[in-house]
Amino acid sequence: MITFEQVSVQYADAATPALSGVDLTVPEGELCLLVGPSGSGKSTLLGTVSGLVPHFTGGALHGRVTVGGRDTREHRPRELADLVGTVGQDPLAHFVTDTVEDELAYGMESLGLPADVMRRRVEETLDLLGLADLRDRALGSLSGGQQQRVAIGSVLTVHPSVLVLDEPTSALDPGAAEEVLAVLQRLVHDLGTTVLMAEHRLERVVQYADQVLLLPGGGAPPVLGEPAEVMAHSPVHPPVVGLGRLAGWHPLPLSVRDARRKAGPLRTRLDGRRPTETPRQPAATPHRPAATPGQPADTPRGAPDAPRRSPEPIAVADRLAVRRGPVPALRGVDLTLHAGEITALMGRNGAGKSTLLGALVGLHAPAAGTVRVGGLTPHRTRPAELIRRVGLVPQDPRDLLYAESVAAECTAADSDAGADPGTCRALVERLLPGIADATHPRDLSEGQRLTLALSVVLAARPPLILLDEPTRGLDYAAKGRLVEILRGLCADGHAVLLATHDVELAAELAHRTAILAEGEIVADGPTAEVVVSSPAFAPQVAKILAPLPWLTVHQVEAALADGEPA
């Protein structure tokens, strides 16, 4: 169905090709998962299939890409619309109408399908993706995950033969992600649809793949093969594969179910032991001065120090209620955040996580109750003063980026924060090395833009740091660097609150987890207790080794390195 013949792509302002030496075939009716580090060319490869490369992105395409017999260099995306459906990383960039139902129908209207066909397909798609209750909602009023489902649905209604998906579950909660993946499985198995999908959260998708295409980056040739074979050598892999490598399992399991079948001997070795590097609940200690800006204290990955927690809270929400138009988004939320503590805020899409972060940074005024940050009322405080008390990295990092280059963004951030020159740039280089100073923020990938926005916020080193889906678009290596920086900030006495659907991040990083549902906090406590008791939010290692109290591969690795218990 999809054929690459010695394909390479070279952009005019790049020193090396974005793709090189791609020569392979993706058969009809298979789900091919595209993996690799950030910057390895995954989005470019997807663009060559949809025709966006080179027709809209520019660059020189060498070789030949054919989809269903059509050469994508000779057919523009509009001429491939009946054959190839594309969903990018940013759902807002995908929308052309105002409401959910209109967006689902737009693609079919463009192809001139009969009205009765359009009505039937819209209803089918609303049911498939759990969007029926949202059919009349304005797209701008939806949560990020809801917008992602609408973007996917608008492509499915056209019934394309090929689906090209760039991180389709990145903004979805675990339940919604499973729904989307179940739909993709049905399309592949029942309708013979060919799916080419790039995704960083491999723990969600690798078990569904028929083939894995690895782009190693660094000029190495791509590798196409069976998922277990590719994962055995891939530099990026999910926790289930990491645990399998550590335990020496062969063949490598790709799902929790397969791993549990092999885990009996490992559970026996770990029985009677407890993790030594599980994030611990902070003890009340005086706040110590921050380290030099841009240089968080080094903390070994997987073995964080006991957090330092001040007796006085940095932020308090007391019976906080917030309305978003006619919709009650928060209902009587009580939350106290202390210095030296990392808190994960989890819950379904639309539960109110982003609204709570917005209230803490002054974007939403309370309808009832109060919110205080550092003794200030956020929505009544001047931004120039508030920026030194609390910083928010939103879901869409472009909301913070306005300069013409990475260097200009960093210079402006240092100036606004009163930080030493070079502080922001050093953070960018530490989180995601290799981004050129002259690069325009719009030319960065989703993950790279998020990294830049995070660095802009961290330059001010505010006592309270808020992050909304901070690992969206980040590969495992970049996520590991983010974990190290946030641990360092925590050790320096900052409070960190991150709204996330990434259960693996919460397990590795958070001392405390709070779960929101319908605008109310329904669980709040130590991460190990909260996530293990919830099937939806438990990490892979916890499911594999249950009922033992292990959350991450790093914990297991440290225990095995220590030898058998006395």
Protein backbone atom coordinates (compact mmCIF):
# COMPACT_ATOMS: atom_id res chain seq x y z
CA MET A 1 0.00 0.00 0.00
CA ILE A 2 2.84 2.42 0.89
CA THR A 3 6.21 2.13 -0.84
CA PHE A 4 9.40 4.09 -0.21
CA GLU A 5 12.11 3.85 -2.85
CA GLN A 6 15.45 5.31 -1.68
CA VAL A 7 13.71 8.30 -0.12
CA SER A 8 15.60 11.21 1.38
CA VAL A 9 14.47 14.71 2.35
CA GLN A 10 16.79 17.70 2.64
CA TYR A 11 15.61 21.07 3.98
CA ALA A 12 17.39 24.16 2.71
CA ASP A 13 18.46 25.44 6.15
CA ALA A 14 19.52 22.05 7.56
CA ALA A 15 23.08 20.75 7.62
CA THR A 16 22.01 17.09 7.34
CA PRO A 17 19.06 15.37 5.65
CA ALA A 18 15.89 14.97 7.70
CA LEU A 19 15.51 11.51 6.12
CA SER A 20 18.01 9.37 4.30
CA GLY A 21 17.96 5.96 2.62
CA VAL A 22 14.36 4.94 3.34
CA ASP A 23 13.62 1.89 1.18
CA LEU A 24 10.70 -0.27 2.37
CA THR A 25 7.08 -1.28 1.90
CA VAL A 26 4.15 -1.07 4.33
CA PRO A 27 1.57 -3.74 3.32
CA GLU A 28 -2.15 -3.10 3.08
CA GLY A 29 -4.21 -3.62 6.23
CA GLU A 30 -1.38 -3.35 8.75
CA LEU A 31 -0.64 -1.00 11.61
CA CYS A 32 2.94 0.20 11.27
CA LEU A 33 4.32 2.02 14.31
CA LEU A 34 7.01 4.62 13.66
CA VAL A 35 9.45 5.09 16.54
CA GLY A 36 12.68 6.94 17.16
CA PRO A 37 14.24 9.80 19.13
CA SER A 38 13.00 13.37 18.72
CA GLY A 39 14.41 14.89 15.54
CA SER A 40 14.98 11.54 13.82
CA GLY A 41 12.59 12.42 10.99
CA LYS A 42 9.32 10.74 12.03
CA SER A 43 7.07 13.71 11.20
CA THR A 44 8.92 14.25 7.91
CA LEU A 45 8.39 10.63 6.90
CA LEU A 46 4.68 10.89 7.69
CA GLY A 47 4.55 14.08 5.63
CA THR A 48 5.95 12.34 2.58
CA VAL A 49 3.02 9.89 2.71
CA SER A 50 0.33 12.57 2.99
CA GLY A 51 1.95 14.85 0.42
CA LEU A 52 2.67 17.64 2.92
CA VAL A 53 6.34 17.00 2.16
CA PRO A 54 7.42 18.67 -0.07
CA HIS A 55 4.26 20.48 -1.26
CA PHE A 56 3.71 22.52 1.92
CA THR A 57 6.84 22.13 4.02
CA GLY A 58 9.36 22.76 1.26
CA GLY A 59 12.62 20.90 1.08
CA ALA A 60 13.91 18.57 -1.61
CA LEU A 61 12.37 15.10 -1.81
CA HIS A 62 14.57 12.54 -3.51
CA GLY A 63 13.45 9.05 -4.41
CA ARG A 64 9.82 8.00 -4.72
CA VAL A 65 6.88 7.58 -2.29
CA THR A 66 3.75 5.87 -3.64
CA VAL A 67 0.46 5.35 -1.81
CA GLY A 68 -2.08 3.12 -3.49
CA GLY A 69 -0.09 3.54 -6.71
CA ARG A 70 -0.07 7.36 -6.56
CA ASP A 71 3.25 9.21 -6.46
CA THR A 72 2.94 11.74 -3.64
CA ARG A 73 5.38 14.10 -5.34
CA GLU A 74 3.01 14.34 -8.30
CA HIS A 75 -0.19 14.55 -6.23
CA ARG A 76 -0.85 17.34 -3.77
CA PRO A 77 -2.57 16.59 -0.42
CA ARG A 78 -5.99 17.57 -1.80
CA GLU A 79 -5.58 15.02 -4.59
CA LEU A 80 -4.77 12.36 -1.98
CA ALA A 81 -7.62 13.27 0.43
CA ASP A 82 -9.86 10.38 -0.64
CA LEU A 83 -6.99 7.93 -0.09
CA VAL A 84 -4.94 9.32 2.83
CA GLY A 85 -6.30 10.77 6.06
CA THR A 86 -3.87 12.76 8.20
CA VAL A 87 -4.00 13.87 11.84
CA GLY A 88 -1.10 15.97 13.09
CA GLN A 89 0.23 16.67 16.56
CA ASP A 90 -1.80 19.88 16.94
CA PRO A 91 -5.58 19.35 16.63
CA LEU A 92 -6.31 23.10 16.56
CA ALA A 93 -4.31 23.42 13.35
CA HIS A 94 -6.54 20.68 11.89
CA PHE A 95 -9.91 22.37 12.44
CA VAL A 96 -11.73 24.41 9.80
CA THR A 97 -15.23 24.71 11.34
CA ASP A 98 -16.65 25.80 14.70
CA THR A 99 -18.52 22.80 16.17
CA VAL A 100 -17.88 19.10 16.62
CA GLU A 101 -20.59 17.87 14.24
CA ASP A 102 -19.66 20.35 11.51
CA GLU A 103 -15.99 19.32 11.76
CA LEU A 104 -16.85 15.64 11.38
CA ALA A 105 -18.87 16.42 8.25
CA TYR A 106 -16.47 18.88 6.59
CA GLY A 107 -14.19 16.37 4.88
CA MET A 108 -17.13 14.50 3.38
CA GLU A 109 -18.67 17.75 2.14
CA SER A 110 -15.38 18.59 0.41
CA LEU A 111 -15.55 15.24 -1.42
CA GLY A 112 -19.19 15.77 -2.37
CA LEU A 113 -20.66 12.74 -0.57
CA PRO A 114 -24.48 12.44 -0.39
CA ALA A 115 -26.19 13.96 2.65
CA ASP A 116 -27.59 10.63 3.89
CA VAL A 117 -24.12 9.06 3.78
CA MET A 118 -22.64 11.99 5.69
CA ARG A 119 -25.34 11.80 8.37
CA ARG A 120 -24.81 8.07 8.91
CA ARG A 121 -21.02 8.34 9.09
CA VAL A 122 -21.16 11.28 11.51
CA GLU A 123 -23.37 9.27 13.88
CA GLU A 124 -21.09 6.22 13.60
CA THR A 125 -18.02 8.29 14.37
CA LEU A 126 -19.64 10.09 17.31
CA ASP A 127 -20.36 6.69 18.86
CA LEU A 128 -16.97 5.18 18.00
CA LEU A 129 -15.02 7.96 19.69
CA GLY A 130 -17.38 8.73 22.58
CA LEU A 131 -18.22 12.19 21.24
CA ALA A 132 -22.02 12.00 21.13
CA ASP A 133 -22.48 14.27 24.15
CA LEU A 134 -20.21 16.88 22.54
CA ARG A 135 -21.78 17.05 19.10
CA ASP A 136 -23.01 20.66 19.48
CA ARG A 137 -20.05 21.97 21.47
CA ALA A 138 -17.76 24.68 20.12
CA LEU A 139 -14.34 23.24 19.29
CA GLY A 140 -12.62 25.98 21.25
CA SER A 141 -14.47 24.97 24.43
CA LEU A 142 -13.17 21.38 24.40
CA SER A 143 -10.26 20.03 26.40
CA GLY A 144 -7.08 19.12 24.53
CA GLY A 145 -7.93 15.43 24.55
CA GLN A 146 -11.45 16.02 23.31
CA GLN A 147 -10.08 18.12 20.47
CA GLN A 148 -7.72 15.29 19.54
CA ARG A 149 -10.58 12.82 19.31
CA VAL A 150 -12.55 15.22 17.08
CA ALA A 151 -9.51 15.62 14.80
CA ILE A 152 -9.22 11.85 14.46
CA GLY A 153 -12.96 11.52 13.88
CA SER A 154 -12.97 14.13 11.11
CA VAL A 155 -10.52 11.92 9.22
CA LEU A 156 -12.35 8.65 9.90
CA THR A 157 -15.64 9.87 8.39
CA VAL A 158 -14.02 10.01 4.93
CA HIS A 159 -13.15 6.27 5.19
CA PRO A 160 -9.62 6.62 3.81
CA SER A 161 -7.58 3.58 2.84
CA VAL A 162 -4.52 4.94 4.68
CA LEU A 163 -4.41 6.75 8.02
CA VAL A 164 -1.33 8.81 8.89
CA LEU A 165 -1.29 9.70 12.59
CA ASP A 166 1.30 11.81 14.39
CA GLU A 167 1.05 11.07 18.15
CA PRO A 168 -2.72 10.47 18.16
CA THR A 169 -2.91 9.62 21.89
CA SER A 170 -0.52 12.28 23.21
CA ALA A 171 -3.28 14.44 24.71
CA LEU A 172 -5.62 11.64 25.77
CA ASP A 173 -6.22 10.14 29.19
CA PRO A 174 -5.60 6.35 29.44
CA GLY A 175 -9.26 5.44 28.93
CA ALA A 176 -9.73 7.71 25.92
CA ALA A 177 -6.46 6.46 24.42
CA GLU A 178 -7.67 2.86 24.69
CA GLU A 179 -10.90 3.83 22.93
CA VAL A 180 -9.01 5.44 20.04
CA LEU A 181 -6.63 2.50 19.71
CA ALA A 182 -9.56 0.07 19.76
CA VAL A 183 -11.10 2.01 16.86
CA LEU A 184 -7.82 1.86 14.94
CA GLN A 185 -7.62 -1.89 15.56
CA ARG A 186 -11.14 -2.33 14.21
CA LEU A 187 -10.29 -0.31 11.10
CA VAL A 188 -7.17 -2.40 10.47
CA HIS A 189 -8.70 -5.81 11.18
CA ASP A 190 -12.22 -5.39 9.81
CA LEU A 191 -11.81 -2.85 7.00
CA GLY A 192 -8.22 -3.46 5.91
CA THR A 193 -7.18 0.13 6.58
CA THR A 194 -3.43 0.75 6.54
CA VAL A 195 -2.29 2.82 9.54
CA LEU A 196 1.09 4.53 9.77
CA MET A 197 1.45 6.03 13.23
CA ALA A 198 4.21 7.87 15.11
CA GLU A 199 3.90 7.81 18.88
CA HIS A 200 6.27 8.50 21.78
CA ARG A 201 4.10 6.76 24.39
CA LEU A 202 5.01 3.28 23.26
CA GLU A 203 3.58 1.67 26.39
CA ARG A 204 0.15 2.42 24.92
CA VAL A 205 0.58 1.25 21.35
CA VAL A 206 3.46 -1.13 20.71
CA GLN A 207 1.42 -4.26 21.47
CA TYR A 208 -1.03 -3.34 18.70
CA ALA A 209 1.58 -2.89 15.97
CA ASP A 210 2.01 -5.38 13.15
CA GLN A 211 5.36 -3.85 12.24
CA VAL A 212 7.68 -1.29 13.82
CA LEU A 213 9.71 1.14 11.75
CA LEU A 214 12.66 2.46 13.76
CA LEU A 215 14.38 5.69 12.72
CA PRO A 216 17.50 5.62 14.91
CA GLY A 217 18.64 9.11 13.94
CA GLY A 218 22.23 10.23 13.57
CA GLY A 219 22.38 9.10 9.95
CA ALA A 220 21.71 5.42 10.73
CA PRO A 221 19.44 3.62 8.23
CA PRO A 222 15.83 2.87 9.21
CA VAL A 223 14.92 -0.61 10.46
CA LEU A 224 11.58 -2.31 9.71
CA GLY A 225 10.63 -5.54 11.44
CA GLU A 226 8.51 -7.46 13.91
CA PRO A 227 7.81 -5.38 17.04
CA ALA A 228 9.60 -7.67 19.52
CA GLU A 229 12.68 -7.92 17.29
CA VAL A 230 12.96 -4.16 16.80
CA MET A 231 12.26 -3.39 20.46
CA ALA A 232 15.13 -5.69 21.51
CA HIS A 233 17.59 -3.14 20.08
CA SER A 234 15.60 0.10 19.94
CA PRO A 235 17.02 3.10 21.85
CA VAL A 236 13.41 4.03 22.72
CA HIS A 237 11.18 1.43 24.32
CA PRO A 238 8.30 1.19 26.84
CA PRO A 239 8.71 0.04 30.47
CA VAL A 240 7.41 -3.45 29.70
CA VAL A 241 10.28 -3.91 27.24
CA GLY A 242 12.77 -2.36 29.65
CA LEU A 243 11.70 -4.81 32.36
CA GLY A 244 11.93 -7.70 29.88
CA ARG A 245 15.46 -6.70 28.87
CA LEU A 246 16.45 -6.42 32.54
CA ALA A 247 15.02 -9.83 33.38
CA GLY A 248 16.38 -11.48 30.22
CA TRP A 249 12.99 -12.56 28.90
CA HIS A 250 12.87 -13.96 25.37
CA PRO A 251 10.93 -13.26 23.29
CA LEU A 252 10.36 -9.82 24.73
CA PRO A 253 6.78 -9.24 25.93
CA LEU A 254 5.00 -6.23 24.48
CA SER A 255 1.91 -6.25 26.70
CA VAL A 256 1.30 -6.38 30.44
CA ARG A 257 -0.54 -9.69 30.04
CA ASP A 258 2.39 -11.39 28.29
CA ALA A 259 4.84 -9.95 30.82
CA ARG A 260 2.83 -11.20 33.80
CA ARG A 261 3.06 -14.71 32.39
CA LYS A 262 6.84 -14.49 32.50
CA ALA A 263 7.19 -12.53 35.75
CA GLY A 264 6.79 -15.33 38.32
CA PRO A 265 10.53 -15.89 38.93
CA LEU A 266 11.16 -12.13 39.07
CA ARG A 267 8.39 -11.64 41.61
CA THR A 268 9.98 -14.40 43.70
CA ARG A 269 13.37 -12.64 43.64
CA LEU A 270 11.76 -9.37 44.71
CA ASP A 271 9.45 -10.84 47.36
CA GLY A 272 10.19 -9.46 50.80
CA ARG A 273 11.93 -6.38 49.45
CA ARG A 274 10.64 -2.86 49.03
CA PRO A 275 11.68 -0.11 46.61
CA THR A 276 14.34 2.14 48.07
CA GLU A 277 13.90 4.99 45.61
CA THR A 278 10.15 5.46 45.63
CA PRO A 279 9.49 9.20 45.99
CA ARG A 280 8.82 9.74 49.67
CA GLN A 281 6.38 12.11 51.33
CA PRO A 282 8.33 15.21 52.28
CA ALA A 283 9.27 15.94 55.84
CA ALA A 284 8.77 19.51 57.03
CA THR A 285 12.14 21.27 56.76
CA PRO A 286 13.09 24.90 56.19
CA HIS A 287 13.22 26.07 52.60
CA ARG A 288 16.82 26.26 51.46
CA PRO A 289 18.09 28.81 48.94
CA ALA A 290 17.81 27.99 45.26
CA ALA A 291 20.86 26.89 43.32
CA THR A 292 22.42 29.00 40.64
CA PRO A 293 19.80 29.76 37.95
CA GLY A 294 19.86 27.21 35.15
CA GLN A 295 21.86 24.70 37.22
CA PRO A 296 19.43 22.54 39.26
CA ALA A 297 21.07 20.23 41.76
CA ASP A 298 22.13 16.93 40.20
CA THR A 299 20.06 14.01 41.45
CA PRO A 300 20.70 10.42 40.29
CA ARG A 301 17.87 9.27 38.07
CA GLY A 302 15.63 6.80 39.86
CA ALA A 303 16.98 7.70 43.31
CA PRO A 304 15.66 11.14 44.34
CA ASP A 305 16.61 12.59 47.68
CA ALA A 306 13.87 13.01 50.27
CA PRO A 307 12.12 16.23 49.22
CA ARG A 308 12.55 19.33 51.35
CA ARG A 309 9.19 20.72 52.40
CA SER A 310 8.52 24.08 54.03
CA PRO A 311 6.03 24.28 56.90
CA GLU A 312 4.15 27.11 55.17
CA PRO A 313 2.36 26.21 51.91
CA ILE A 314 3.30 27.89 48.66
CA ALA A 315 -0.24 27.69 47.27
CA VAL A 316 -3.66 26.91 48.71
CA ALA A 317 -6.99 26.33 46.97
CA ASP A 318 -9.85 26.37 49.47
CA ARG A 319 -13.25 25.11 48.32
CA LEU A 320 -12.38 26.52 44.91
CA ALA A 321 -15.12 26.61 42.29
CA VAL A 322 -14.59 27.87 38.72
CA ARG A 323 -17.03 28.13 35.84
CA ARG A 324 -16.03 28.08 32.17
CA GLY A 325 -19.02 29.89 30.65
CA PRO A 326 -22.09 27.87 31.60
CA VAL A 327 -20.02 24.82 32.53
CA PRO A 328 -18.93 24.25 36.16
CA ALA A 329 -15.29 23.23 35.68
CA LEU A 330 -14.20 22.98 39.35
CA ARG A 331 -16.44 22.15 42.29
CA GLY A 332 -15.13 22.83 45.79
CA VAL A 333 -11.49 21.83 45.22
CA ASP A 334 -9.18 21.78 48.26
CA LEU A 335 -5.48 21.54 47.42
CA THR A 336 -2.38 22.62 49.33
CA LEU A 337 1.05 22.71 47.67
CA HIS A 338 4.31 22.82 49.62
CA ALA A 339 7.87 23.65 48.64
CA GLY A 340 9.98 20.61 47.85
CA GLU A 341 7.01 18.53 46.70
CA ILE A 342 6.09 17.26 43.24
CA THR A 343 2.37 16.61 42.77
CA ALA A 344 0.83 14.88 39.76
CA LEU A 345 -2.70 15.94 38.85
CA MET A 346 -4.48 13.23 36.89
CA GLY A 347 -7.97 12.50 35.60
CA ARG A 348 -10.05 12.06 32.47
CA ASN A 349 -10.03 14.62 29.68
CA GLY A 350 -12.33 17.46 30.72
CA ALA A 351 -12.04 16.70 34.45
CA GLY A 352 -10.78 20.23 35.19
CA LYS A 353 -7.00 19.79 35.39
CA SER A 354 -6.09 22.67 33.07
CA THR A 355 -8.70 24.88 34.72
CA LEU A 356 -7.15 24.29 38.14
CA LEU A 357 -3.70 25.20 36.81
CA GLY A 358 -5.19 28.29 35.17
CA ALA A 359 -6.80 29.38 38.45
CA LEU A 360 -3.45 29.08 40.24
CA VAL A 361 -1.81 31.37 37.67
CA GLY A 362 -4.65 33.90 37.60
CA LEU A 363 -6.28 33.00 34.29
CA HIS A 364 -9.62 32.15 35.91
CA ALA A 365 -11.37 34.02 38.71
CA PRO A 366 -13.06 31.85 41.34
CA ALA A 367 -16.85 31.62 41.25
CA ALA A 368 -16.64 30.53 44.89
CA GLY A 369 -13.90 29.74 47.38
CA THR A 370 -10.39 31.17 47.27
CA VAL A 371 -6.98 30.56 45.75
CA ARG A 372 -3.73 31.99 47.13
CA VAL A 373 -0.19 31.72 45.79
CA GLY A 374 2.63 33.05 47.94
CA GLY A 375 0.15 35.17 49.87
CA LEU A 376 -1.23 36.72 46.66
CA THR A 377 -4.58 36.35 44.94
CA PRO A 378 -3.48 35.37 41.39
CA HIS A 379 -6.29 36.89 39.32
CA ARG A 380 -5.84 40.24 41.11
CA THR A 381 -2.03 40.38 40.83
CA ARG A 382 -0.06 42.18 38.13
CA PRO A 383 1.64 39.72 35.72
CA ALA A 384 5.07 41.30 36.28
CA GLU A 385 4.78 40.42 39.98
CA LEU A 386 3.06 37.07 39.52
CA ILE A 387 5.73 35.72 37.13
CA ARG A 388 8.18 35.58 40.04
CA ARG A 389 5.72 33.59 42.17
CA VAL A 390 4.24 31.08 39.73
CA GLY A 391 4.98 29.92 36.18
CA LEU A 392 2.72 27.91 33.86
CA VAL A 393 3.75 25.87 30.83
CA PRO A 394 0.41 25.41 28.97
CA GLN A 395 -0.66 22.53 26.74
CA ASP A 396 -0.04 24.68 23.67
CA PRO A 397 3.47 26.12 24.16
CA ARG A 398 2.94 28.64 21.36
CA ASP A 399 0.91 30.69 23.84
CA LEU A 400 4.23 31.67 25.46
CA LEU A 401 6.36 32.06 22.33
CA TYR A 402 6.34 35.24 20.27
CA ALA A 403 9.93 36.00 19.18
CA GLU A 404 11.49 35.26 15.80
CA SER A 405 14.14 32.80 16.99
CA VAL A 406 15.10 30.51 19.85
CA ALA A 407 17.89 32.88 20.86
CA ALA A 408 15.49 35.84 20.96
CA GLU A 409 13.00 33.89 23.08
CA CYS A 410 15.72 33.01 25.57
CA THR A 411 17.05 36.58 25.73
CA ALA A 412 13.55 37.94 26.37
CA ALA A 413 12.90 35.29 29.03
CA ASP A 414 16.11 36.17 30.89
CA SER A 415 15.22 39.86 30.74
CA ASP A 416 11.63 39.37 31.96
CA ALA A 417 12.78 37.11 34.78
CA GLY A 418 15.73 39.23 35.84
CA ALA A 419 17.94 36.16 35.37
CA ASP A 420 21.58 36.03 34.35
CA PRO A 421 22.08 36.13 30.56
CA GLY A 422 22.24 32.63 29.14
CA THR A 423 20.08 31.06 31.86
CA CYS A 424 17.18 30.14 29.56
CA ARG A 425 19.47 29.00 26.73
CA ALA A 426 21.34 26.66 29.10
CA LEU A 427 18.06 25.06 30.13
CA VAL A 428 17.04 24.52 26.48
CA GLU A 429 20.36 22.85 25.74
CA ARG A 430 20.10 20.62 28.79
CA LEU A 431 16.55 19.47 28.05
CA LEU A 432 16.88 18.99 24.30
CA PRO A 433 20.41 19.53 22.94
CA GLY A 434 21.10 20.65 19.40
CA ILE A 435 18.44 23.30 18.76
CA ALA A 436 20.08 26.11 16.76
CA ASP A 437 19.84 29.70 18.01
CA ALA A 438 18.45 30.98 14.71
CA THR A 439 15.61 28.43 14.51
CA HIS A 440 12.15 30.00 14.46
CA PRO A 441 9.83 28.54 17.14
CA ARG A 442 7.23 27.69 14.48
CA ASP A 443 9.78 25.39 12.83
CA LEU A 444 10.26 23.34 16.00
CA SER A 445 8.45 20.07 16.61
CA GLU A 446 5.71 19.95 19.24
CA GLY A 447 8.13 18.50 21.77
CA GLN A 448 10.82 21.06 20.98
CA ARG A 449 8.37 23.96 21.36
CA LEU A 450 7.32 22.58 24.74
CA THR A 451 10.97 22.36 25.79
CA LEU A 452 11.53 25.99 24.83
CA ALA A 453 8.40 27.15 26.68
CA LEU A 454 9.42 25.20 29.78
CA SER A 455 12.84 26.84 29.71
CA VAL A 456 11.22 30.28 29.38
CA VAL A 457 9.20 29.63 32.54
CA LEU A 458 12.07 28.08 34.49
CA ALA A 459 14.31 31.07 33.79
CA ALA A 460 12.39 33.04 36.46
CA ARG A 461 12.72 30.13 38.92
CA PRO A 462 9.29 30.80 40.45
CA PRO A 463 8.56 28.98 43.75
CA LEU A 464 5.53 27.31 42.12
CA ILE A 465 5.91 25.65 38.72
CA LEU A 466 2.83 24.42 36.86
CA LEU A 467 3.06 22.11 33.84
CA ASP A 468 0.15 21.04 31.65
CA GLU A 469 0.95 17.78 29.86
CA PRO A 470 4.72 18.39 29.99
CA THR A 471 5.75 15.17 28.21
CA ARG A 472 3.53 15.61 25.17
CA GLY A 473 5.80 15.24 22.16
CA LEU A 474 8.86 14.22 24.21
CA ASP A 475 10.70 10.97 23.61
CA TYR A 476 11.97 8.85 26.51
CA ALA A 477 15.40 10.49 26.56
CA ALA A 478 13.96 14.01 26.67
CA LYS A 479 11.47 12.90 29.33
CA GLY A 480 14.36 11.54 31.39
CA ARG A 481 16.13 14.90 31.19
CA LEU A 482 12.89 16.64 32.21
CA VAL A 483 12.62 14.33 35.24
CA GLU A 484 16.15 15.22 36.32
CA ILE A 485 15.51 18.97 36.05
CA LEU A 486 12.21 18.80 37.95
CA ARG A 487 13.82 16.72 40.68
CA GLY A 488 16.58 19.28 40.95
CA LEU A 489 14.06 22.12 41.22
CA CYS A 490 12.17 20.18 43.88
CA ALA A 491 15.39 19.66 45.85
CA ASP A 492 15.98 23.43 45.62
CA GLY A 493 12.65 24.04 47.36
CA HIS A 494 10.27 24.64 44.45
CA ALA A 495 6.77 23.20 44.42
CA VAL A 496 5.84 21.45 41.16
CA LEU A 497 2.29 20.64 40.04
CA LEU A 498 1.95 18.79 36.75
CA ALA A 499 -1.29 17.88 35.05
CA THR A 500 -0.58 14.74 33.08
CA HIS A 501 -2.01 11.62 31.48
CA ASP A 502 1.46 10.06 31.55
CA VAL A 503 1.12 7.44 34.28
CA GLU A 504 4.76 6.42 33.85
CA LEU A 505 5.90 9.99 34.53
CA ALA A 506 3.78 10.18 37.68
CA ALA A 507 5.17 6.87 38.93
CA GLU A 508 8.77 7.95 38.35
CA LEU A 509 8.58 11.54 39.53
CA ALA A 510 5.63 12.47 41.74
CA HIS A 511 5.68 12.24 45.53
CA ARG A 512 1.94 12.79 45.60
CA THR A 513 -0.89 12.23 43.15
CA ALA A 514 -4.33 13.85 43.11
CA ILE A 515 -7.08 12.59 40.81
CA LEU A 516 -9.79 14.92 39.52
CA ALA A 517 -13.20 13.75 38.32
CA GLU A 518 -15.98 16.07 37.19
CA GLY A 519 -14.22 19.02 38.79
CA GLU A 520 -13.72 17.37 42.19
CA ILE A 521 -10.67 15.75 43.79
CA VAL A 522 -11.62 12.12 44.40
CA ALA A 523 -8.20 10.81 45.51
CA ASP A 524 -5.16 12.52 46.99
CA GLY A 525 -2.18 10.84 48.61
CA PRO A 526 1.27 9.29 48.11
CA THR A 527 1.74 8.27 44.48
CA ALA A 528 2.49 4.63 45.25
CA GLU A 529 -0.84 4.28 47.06
CA VAL A 530 -3.01 6.27 44.66
CA VAL A 531 -1.83 4.91 41.29
CA VAL A 532 -1.56 1.26 42.31
CA SER A 533 -5.14 1.30 43.59
CA SER A 534 -6.39 2.63 40.23
CA PRO A 535 -6.30 0.26 37.22
CA ALA A 536 -6.54 3.24 34.86
CA PHE A 537 -3.55 5.09 36.32
CA ALA A 538 -1.24 2.25 37.39
CA PRO A 539 2.10 2.11 35.51
CA GLN A 540 3.11 -0.98 33.55
CA VAL A 541 5.62 -2.29 36.11
CA ALA A 542 3.03 -2.08 38.89
CA LYS A 543 0.57 -4.14 36.83
CA ILE A 544 3.21 -6.71 35.91
CA LEU A 545 4.60 -7.23 39.43
CA ALA A 546 1.36 -6.81 41.42
CA PRO A 547 0.77 -7.27 44.30
CA LEU A 548 4.39 -6.26 44.98
CA PRO A 549 4.91 -2.47 45.45
CA TRP A 550 7.17 -1.75 42.45
CA LEU A 551 6.39 1.16 40.13
CA THR A 552 9.34 1.61 37.74
CA VAL A 553 12.07 -0.33 35.97
CA HIS A 554 14.68 1.79 37.78
CA GLN A 555 13.41 0.57 41.15
CA VAL A 556 13.66 -3.06 40.06
CA GLU A 557 17.09 -2.52 38.52
CA ALA A 558 18.41 -0.96 41.75
CA ALA A 559 17.05 -3.85 43.83
CA LEU A 560 18.59 -6.51 41.58
CA ALA A 561 21.92 -4.68 41.60
CA ASP A 562 21.94 -4.84 45.41
CA GLY A 563 21.73 -8.63 45.33
CA GLU A 564 19.46 -10.97 47.23
CA PRO A 565 18.03 -9.90 50.60
CA ALA A 566 19.77 -11.14 53.73
